[in-house]
Amino acid sequence: MTEDGSTNDSWVRTVRLAFTSDSVPEVRRVFTEDLAGSLVPTEVIEETETVVSELVANALLHGRPLPDGTIRVHWKVRPPRIEIEVSDGGGERSPQPKPQTPWANSGRGLRIVRSLAHEWGVADEDSRTTVWAAMGGPSRRRV
């Protein structure tokens, strides 16, 4: 174990998903299979599964596909932390949480991300929008 409490059991994964609603359950399945048996606490895995689902759903709803017709999902695992990124081909405006409205049918995705993530952010560059979240502790990103 290192000084910050992490271990050397670290890895990186990137998946490309079709720009369809079927990608939400698919990313949940791929993500949980990848983390099965890892040293990441179960609570962090479950919260990250929720966050990645919300980010993929938001990309499908508000973004466009990348030039190859996909969404890119990337995660870095450094127990007990996970950093997740979801990239799409950009949208009309940069993602941000909507104001709380008790009777709305939608619009809670980024508020859920904000409530579960240690930190999160958005990067708009080169006709691509990437929303990222650090789970289980701070990221190595410079916010």
C-alpha atoms as a PDB file:
ATOM      1  CA  MET A   1       0.000   0.000   0.000  1.00  0.00           C
ATOM      2  CA  THR A   2       1.273   3.506  -0.849  1.00  0.00           C
ATOM      3  CA  GLU A   3       1.229   6.650   1.317  1.00  0.00           C
ATOM      4  CA  ASP A   4      -2.145   7.801  -0.044  1.00  0.00           C
ATOM      5  CA  GLY A   5      -3.781   4.446   0.759  1.00  0.00           C
ATOM      6  CA  SER A   6      -3.834   3.200  -2.837  1.00  0.00           C
ATOM      7  CA  THR A   7      -2.338  -0.033  -4.103  1.00  0.00           C
ATOM      8  CA  ASN A   8      -0.497  -0.987  -7.242  1.00  0.00           C
ATOM      9  CA  ASP A   9      -3.596  -2.812  -8.541  1.00  0.00           C
ATOM     10  CA  SER A  10      -4.307  -0.073 -11.118  1.00  0.00           C
ATOM     11  CA  TRP A  11      -5.515  -0.194 -14.723  1.00  0.00           C
ATOM     12  CA  VAL A  12      -7.146   1.803 -17.505  1.00  0.00           C
ATOM     13  CA  ARG A  13     -10.004   0.821 -19.817  1.00  0.00           C
ATOM     14  CA  THR A  14     -11.602   2.497 -22.813  1.00  0.00           C
ATOM     15  CA  VAL A  15     -14.764   1.318 -24.520  1.00  0.00           C
ATOM     16  CA  ARG A  16     -16.590   2.662 -27.535  1.00  0.00           C
ATOM     17  CA  LEU A  17     -20.354   2.347 -27.432  1.00  0.00           C
ATOM     18  CA  ALA A  18     -22.945   2.761 -30.159  1.00  0.00           C
ATOM     19  CA  PHE A  19     -24.857   6.036 -30.015  1.00  0.00           C
ATOM     20  CA  THR A  20     -28.060   4.244 -28.938  1.00  0.00           C
ATOM     21  CA  SER A  21     -30.014   3.822 -25.706  1.00  0.00           C
ATOM     22  CA  ASP A  22     -28.799   0.193 -25.546  1.00  0.00           C
ATOM     23  CA  SER A  23     -25.409   1.613 -24.531  1.00  0.00           C
ATOM     24  CA  VAL A  24     -26.598   2.562 -21.034  1.00  0.00           C
ATOM     25  CA  PRO A  25     -27.154  -1.003 -19.778  1.00  0.00           C
ATOM     26  CA  GLU A  26     -24.143  -2.158 -21.819  1.00  0.00           C
ATOM     27  CA  VAL A  27     -21.756   0.274 -20.121  1.00  0.00           C
ATOM     28  CA  ARG A  28     -23.096  -0.746 -16.710  1.00  0.00           C
ATOM     29  CA  ARG A  29     -22.436  -4.406 -17.521  1.00  0.00           C
ATOM     30  CA  VAL A  30     -18.946  -3.835 -18.952  1.00  0.00           C
ATOM     31  CA  PHE A  31     -17.970  -1.535 -16.082  1.00  0.00           C
ATOM     32  CA  THR A  32     -19.137  -3.845 -13.280  1.00  0.00           C
ATOM     33  CA  GLU A  33     -17.530  -6.881 -14.934  1.00  0.00           C
ATOM     34  CA  ASP A  34     -14.247  -4.979 -15.204  1.00  0.00           C
ATOM     35  CA  LEU A  35     -14.311  -4.007 -11.503  1.00  0.00           C
ATOM     36  CA  ALA A  36     -15.477  -7.400 -10.187  1.00  0.00           C
ATOM     37  CA  GLY A  37     -13.000  -8.734  -7.665  1.00  0.00           C
ATOM     38  CA  SER A  38     -11.005  -5.501  -7.559  1.00  0.00           C
ATOM     39  CA  LEU A  39      -9.729  -3.732  -4.459  1.00  0.00           C
ATOM     40  CA  VAL A  40     -12.111  -0.814  -5.035  1.00  0.00           C
ATOM     41  CA  PRO A  41     -14.721  -0.608  -2.243  1.00  0.00           C
ATOM     42  CA  THR A  42     -18.160  -1.902  -3.276  1.00  0.00           C
ATOM     43  CA  GLU A  43     -19.789   1.451  -2.466  1.00  0.00           C
ATOM     44  CA  VAL A  44     -17.426   3.274  -4.843  1.00  0.00           C
ATOM     45  CA  ILE A  45     -18.117   0.746  -7.617  1.00  0.00           C
ATOM     46  CA  GLU A  46     -21.895   1.077  -7.155  1.00  0.00           C
ATOM     47  CA  GLU A  47     -21.778   4.882  -7.094  1.00  0.00           C
ATOM     48  CA  THR A  48     -19.525   4.949 -10.164  1.00  0.00           C
ATOM     49  CA  GLU A  49     -21.898   2.600 -11.985  1.00  0.00           C
ATOM     50  CA  THR A  50     -24.676   5.137 -11.357  1.00  0.00           C
ATOM     51  CA  VAL A  51     -22.479   8.045 -12.472  1.00  0.00           C
ATOM     52  CA  VAL A  52     -21.318   6.371 -15.689  1.00  0.00           C
ATOM     53  CA  SER A  53     -24.940   5.497 -16.531  1.00  0.00           C
ATOM     54  CA  GLU A  54     -26.027   9.104 -16.015  1.00  0.00           C
ATOM     55  CA  LEU A  55     -23.137  10.454 -18.093  1.00  0.00           C
ATOM     56  CA  VAL A  56     -23.796   8.071 -20.995  1.00  0.00           C
ATOM     57  CA  ALA A  57     -27.535   8.835 -20.892  1.00  0.00           C
ATOM     58  CA  ASN A  58     -26.786  12.583 -20.902  1.00  0.00           C
ATOM     59  CA  ALA A  59     -24.397  12.205 -23.845  1.00  0.00           C
ATOM     60  CA  LEU A  60     -27.103  10.375 -25.792  1.00  0.00           C
ATOM     61  CA  LEU A  61     -29.758  12.931 -24.892  1.00  0.00           C
ATOM     62  CA  HIS A  62     -27.813  16.177 -25.290  1.00  0.00           C
ATOM     63  CA  GLY A  63     -24.748  15.383 -27.392  1.00  0.00           C
ATOM     64  CA  ARG A  64     -23.878  14.041 -30.783  1.00  0.00           C
ATOM     65  CA  PRO A  65     -21.910  10.931 -31.685  1.00  0.00           C
ATOM     66  CA  LEU A  66     -18.166  11.121 -32.195  1.00  0.00           C
ATOM     67  CA  PRO A  67     -17.074  11.017 -35.867  1.00  0.00           C
ATOM     68  CA  ASP A  68     -17.033   7.194 -35.763  1.00  0.00           C
ATOM     69  CA  GLY A  69     -20.679   7.127 -34.556  1.00  0.00           C
ATOM     70  CA  THR A  70     -19.850   6.198 -30.949  1.00  0.00           C
ATOM     71  CA  ILE A  71     -19.524   7.494 -27.402  1.00  0.00           C
ATOM     72  CA  ARG A  72     -16.146   6.978 -25.715  1.00  0.00           C
ATOM     73  CA  VAL A  73     -16.116   5.831 -22.075  1.00  0.00           C
ATOM     74  CA  HIS A  74     -12.773   5.733 -20.302  1.00  0.00           C
ATOM     75  CA  TRP A  75     -11.929   4.831 -16.717  1.00  0.00           C
ATOM     76  CA  LYS A  76      -8.766   4.771 -14.634  1.00  0.00           C
ATOM     77  CA  VAL A  77      -8.755   2.583 -11.564  1.00  0.00           C
ATOM     78  CA  ARG A  78      -6.356   3.320  -8.722  1.00  0.00           C
ATOM     79  CA  PRO A  79      -7.924   1.725  -5.655  1.00  0.00           C
ATOM     80  CA  PRO A  80      -9.749   3.089  -3.811  1.00  0.00           C
ATOM     81  CA  ARG A  81     -10.393   5.676  -6.571  1.00  0.00           C
ATOM     82  CA  ILE A  82     -11.910   5.579 -10.034  1.00  0.00           C
ATOM     83  CA  GLU A  83     -11.788   8.392 -12.569  1.00  0.00           C
ATOM     84  CA  ILE A  84     -14.410   8.161 -15.301  1.00  0.00           C
ATOM     85  CA  GLU A  85     -14.740  10.109 -18.568  1.00  0.00           C
ATOM     86  CA  VAL A  86     -17.548  10.080 -21.117  1.00  0.00           C
ATOM     87  CA  SER A  87     -16.889  11.811 -24.444  1.00  0.00           C
ATOM     88  CA  ASP A  88     -19.325  12.617 -27.227  1.00  0.00           C
ATOM     89  CA  GLY A  89     -19.294  14.803 -30.321  1.00  0.00           C
ATOM     90  CA  GLY A  90     -20.479  17.905 -28.470  1.00  0.00           C
ATOM     91  CA  GLY A  91     -23.831  19.552 -28.139  1.00  0.00           C
ATOM     92  CA  GLU A  92     -25.406  22.964 -28.421  1.00  0.00           C
ATOM     93  CA  ARG A  93     -24.194  23.980 -24.955  1.00  0.00           C
ATOM     94  CA  SER A  94     -21.821  22.790 -22.287  1.00  0.00           C
ATOM     95  CA  PRO A  95     -23.307  20.334 -19.751  1.00  0.00           C
ATOM     96  CA  GLN A  96     -24.315  21.801 -16.400  1.00  0.00           C
ATOM     97  CA  PRO A  97     -26.734  20.760 -13.650  1.00  0.00           C
ATOM     98  CA  LYS A  98     -30.277  22.048 -14.078  1.00  0.00           C
ATOM     99  CA  PRO A  99     -31.967  23.886 -11.220  1.00  0.00           C
ATOM    100  CA  GLN A 100     -33.926  21.642  -8.887  1.00  0.00           C
ATOM    101  CA  THR A 101     -37.590  21.348  -9.839  1.00  0.00           C
ATOM    102  CA  PRO A 102     -39.658  18.866  -7.823  1.00  0.00           C
ATOM    103  CA  TRP A 103     -42.120  17.938 -10.584  1.00  0.00           C
ATOM    104  CA  ALA A 104     -39.724  17.616 -13.540  1.00  0.00           C
ATOM    105  CA  ASN A 105     -39.583  14.276 -15.367  1.00  0.00           C
ATOM    106  CA  SER A 106     -35.890  14.672 -16.178  1.00  0.00           C
ATOM    107  CA  GLY A 107     -32.916  16.932 -15.560  1.00  0.00           C
ATOM    108  CA  ARG A 108     -31.465  15.251 -12.483  1.00  0.00           C
ATOM    109  CA  GLY A 109     -28.488  13.478 -14.103  1.00  0.00           C
ATOM    110  CA  LEU A 110     -25.721  15.984 -13.421  1.00  0.00           C
ATOM    111  CA  ARG A 111     -27.120  16.762  -9.973  1.00  0.00           C
ATOM    112  CA  ILE A 112     -26.794  13.042  -9.216  1.00  0.00           C
ATOM    113  CA  VAL A 113     -23.227  13.087 -10.581  1.00  0.00           C
ATOM    114  CA  ARG A 114     -22.417  16.157  -8.484  1.00  0.00           C
ATOM    115  CA  SER A 115     -23.813  14.539  -5.338  1.00  0.00           C
ATOM    116  CA  LEU A 116     -21.884  11.260  -5.756  1.00  0.00           C
ATOM    117  CA  ALA A 117     -18.566  12.415  -7.223  1.00  0.00           C
ATOM    118  CA  HIS A 118     -15.670  13.720  -5.163  1.00  0.00           C
ATOM    119  CA  GLU A 119     -15.149  16.183  -8.021  1.00  0.00           C
ATOM    120  CA  TRP A 120     -16.332  16.447 -11.603  1.00  0.00           C
ATOM    121  CA  GLY A 121     -16.017  18.717 -14.602  1.00  0.00           C
ATOM    122  CA  VAL A 122     -16.512  19.320 -18.299  1.00  0.00           C
ATOM    123  CA  ALA A 123     -13.961  19.789 -21.062  1.00  0.00           C
ATOM    124  CA  ASP A 124     -15.113  21.101 -24.451  1.00  0.00           C
ATOM    125  CA  GLU A 125     -12.414  20.786 -27.092  1.00  0.00           C
ATOM    126  CA  ASP A 126     -11.978  19.833 -30.745  1.00  0.00           C
ATOM    127  CA  SER A 127     -15.728  19.318 -31.340  1.00  0.00           C
ATOM    128  CA  ARG A 128     -15.815  16.920 -28.408  1.00  0.00           C
ATOM    129  CA  THR A 129     -17.396  17.212 -24.977  1.00  0.00           C
ATOM    130  CA  THR A 130     -15.926  15.154 -22.157  1.00  0.00           C
ATOM    131  CA  VAL A 131     -17.609  15.001 -18.769  1.00  0.00           C
ATOM    132  CA  TRP A 132     -15.419  13.462 -16.082  1.00  0.00           C
ATOM    133  CA  ALA A 133     -15.881  12.471 -12.456  1.00  0.00           C
ATOM    134  CA  ALA A 134     -13.532  11.357  -9.695  1.00  0.00           C
ATOM    135  CA  MET A 135     -15.019   8.744  -7.414  1.00  0.00           C
ATOM    136  CA  GLY A 136     -13.744   7.552  -4.050  1.00  0.00           C
ATOM    137  CA  GLY A 137     -11.419  10.515  -3.534  1.00  0.00           C
ATOM    138  CA  PRO A 138      -9.695  13.333  -5.418  1.00  0.00           C
ATOM    139  CA  SER A 139      -8.427  12.924  -8.955  1.00  0.00           C
ATOM    140  CA  ARG A 140      -5.015  13.818 -10.257  1.00  0.00           C
ATOM    141  CA  ARG A 141      -6.620  16.379 -12.571  1.00  0.00           C
ATOM    142  CA  ARG A 142      -6.030  20.042 -12.057  1.00  0.00           C
ATOM    143  CA  VAL A 143      -9.539  21.447 -11.861  1.00  0.00           C
END
